[in-house]
């Protein structure tokens, strides 16, 4: 099997740019959230120690789903502190959510998960 080269990466970047440009007018800000979550989830997949197809697909779907659910709230919370508009922050915030999904999920479960009702 041949090793990936920089032309493969450039082709992937061109495909991602073409996808974003074609879906942009149809889906608006959702395109930025989906693409950001997808790219961030790919970063999370590359950080896995053992990558199986099932684990990679689960991580990609969960990352894009979490990005879709939480990007709007996160952008509203982050925008005043950064000094940028919400439109500019959709892609990077969705990417960070997709990338750090395991950490965010464990923090949310620790904070809002079941508590022991010991006497």
Protein backbone atom coordinates (compact mmCIF):
# COMPACT_ATOMS: atom_id res chain seq x y z
CA UNK A 1 0.00 0.00 0.00
CA UNK A 2 1.37 3.38 -0.91
CA UNK A 3 2.03 6.03 1.69
CA UNK A 4 -0.12 9.16 1.65
CA UNK A 5 1.60 12.16 0.17
CA UNK A 6 1.09 15.88 0.33
CA UNK A 7 -0.95 15.72 -2.88
CA UNK A 8 -3.42 13.45 -1.08
CA UNK A 9 -3.73 15.98 1.73
CA UNK A 10 -4.11 18.80 -0.77
CA UNK A 11 -6.84 16.85 -2.56
CA UNK A 12 -8.66 16.31 0.72
CA UNK A 13 -8.41 20.00 1.57
CA UNK A 14 -9.69 20.90 -1.90
CA UNK A 15 -12.61 18.49 -1.50
CA UNK A 16 -13.43 19.95 1.93
CA UNK A 17 -13.31 23.50 0.52
CA UNK A 18 -15.53 22.53 -2.42
CA UNK A 19 -17.99 20.83 -0.09
CA UNK A 20 -18.14 23.88 2.17
CA UNK A 21 -18.56 26.25 -0.79
CA UNK A 22 -21.34 24.19 -2.35
CA UNK A 23 -23.28 23.56 0.86
CA UNK A 24 -22.77 27.06 2.27
CA UNK A 25 -25.67 28.77 0.51
CA UNK A 26 -28.03 25.88 1.27
CA UNK A 27 -27.28 25.21 4.91
CA UNK A 28 -25.75 28.46 6.12
CA UNK A 29 -24.13 28.25 9.53
CA UNK A 30 -24.86 24.53 9.83
CA UNK A 31 -22.18 23.95 7.20
CA UNK A 32 -19.58 25.61 9.42
CA UNK A 33 -20.67 23.57 12.44
CA UNK A 34 -20.68 20.26 10.54
CA UNK A 35 -17.31 20.87 8.88
CA UNK A 36 -15.75 22.08 12.14
CA UNK A 37 -17.10 19.10 14.06
CA UNK A 38 -15.92 16.72 11.34
CA UNK A 39 -12.39 18.13 11.26
CA UNK A 40 -12.18 18.21 15.05
CA UNK A 41 -13.43 14.63 15.23
CA UNK A 42 -10.76 13.58 12.76
CA UNK A 43 -8.18 15.06 15.12
CA UNK A 44 -9.71 13.00 17.93
CA UNK A 45 -9.49 9.85 15.78
CA UNK A 46 -5.82 10.45 15.05
CA UNK A 47 -5.14 10.69 18.79
CA UNK A 48 -6.53 7.19 19.44
CA UNK A 49 -3.97 4.56 20.40
CA UNK A 50 -5.74 1.69 18.63
CA UNK A 51 -7.99 2.69 15.80
CA UNK A 52 -10.70 0.33 14.63
CA UNK A 53 -13.31 1.19 12.05
CA UNK A 54 -16.16 0.96 14.54
CA UNK A 55 -14.41 3.17 17.10
CA UNK A 56 -13.50 5.74 14.44
CA UNK A 57 -17.05 5.91 13.08
CA UNK A 58 -18.50 6.20 16.58
CA UNK A 59 -16.06 9.00 17.42
CA UNK A 60 -16.86 10.86 14.19
CA UNK A 61 -20.62 10.59 14.65
CA UNK A 62 -20.47 11.56 18.31
CA UNK A 63 -18.16 14.51 17.58
CA UNK A 64 -20.33 15.90 14.81
CA UNK A 65 -23.46 15.35 16.92
CA UNK A 66 -21.99 17.07 19.96
CA UNK A 67 -20.79 19.93 17.78
CA UNK A 68 -24.25 20.35 16.33
CA UNK A 69 -25.89 20.34 19.73
CA UNK A 70 -23.51 22.52 21.73
CA UNK A 71 -21.79 24.90 19.30
CA UNK A 72 -24.51 27.54 19.43
CA UNK A 73 -24.46 27.74 23.21
CA UNK A 74 -20.66 27.65 23.37
CA UNK A 75 -20.30 30.41 20.78
CA UNK A 76 -22.70 32.66 22.68
CA UNK A 77 -20.67 32.10 25.85
CA UNK A 78 -17.24 32.55 24.21
CA UNK A 79 -17.93 35.47 21.84
CA UNK A 80 -18.00 38.29 24.44
CA UNK A 81 -14.69 37.15 25.92
CA UNK A 82 -12.89 36.81 22.60
CA UNK A 83 -14.22 39.98 21.02
CA UNK A 84 -15.32 38.34 17.80
CA UNK A 85 -18.73 37.83 16.27
CA UNK A 86 -20.55 34.53 16.63
CA UNK A 87 -20.35 33.86 12.89
CA UNK A 88 -16.55 33.88 13.00
CA UNK A 89 -16.41 31.52 15.95
CA UNK A 90 -18.74 28.77 14.74
CA UNK A 91 -16.11 26.75 12.87
CA UNK A 92 -13.34 26.85 15.51
CA UNK A 93 -15.70 26.22 18.42
CA UNK A 94 -17.29 23.25 16.63
CA UNK A 95 -13.81 21.94 15.86
CA UNK A 96 -12.73 22.17 19.49
CA UNK A 97 -15.92 20.43 20.62
CA UNK A 98 -15.34 17.63 18.11
CA UNK A 99 -11.68 17.35 19.08
CA UNK A 100 -12.16 17.39 22.86
CA UNK A 101 -15.40 15.41 22.94
CA UNK A 102 -14.13 12.71 25.31
CA UNK A 103 -12.93 15.28 27.83
CA UNK A 104 -16.14 17.30 27.57
CA UNK A 105 -18.26 14.19 27.96
CA UNK A 106 -16.37 13.05 31.07
CA UNK A 107 -16.63 16.53 32.63
CA UNK A 108 -20.37 16.65 31.92
CA UNK A 109 -20.93 13.17 33.38
CA UNK A 110 -18.89 14.03 36.47
CA UNK A 111 -20.83 17.26 36.96
CA UNK A 112 -24.35 16.16 36.06
CA UNK A 113 -24.14 12.35 36.34
CA UNK A 114 -25.80 10.21 38.94
CA UNK A 115 -24.77 10.91 42.46
CA UNK A 116 -24.59 8.19 45.08
CA UNK A 117 -27.40 8.51 47.58
CA UNK A 118 -25.49 7.02 50.48
CA UNK A 119 -26.81 7.96 53.94
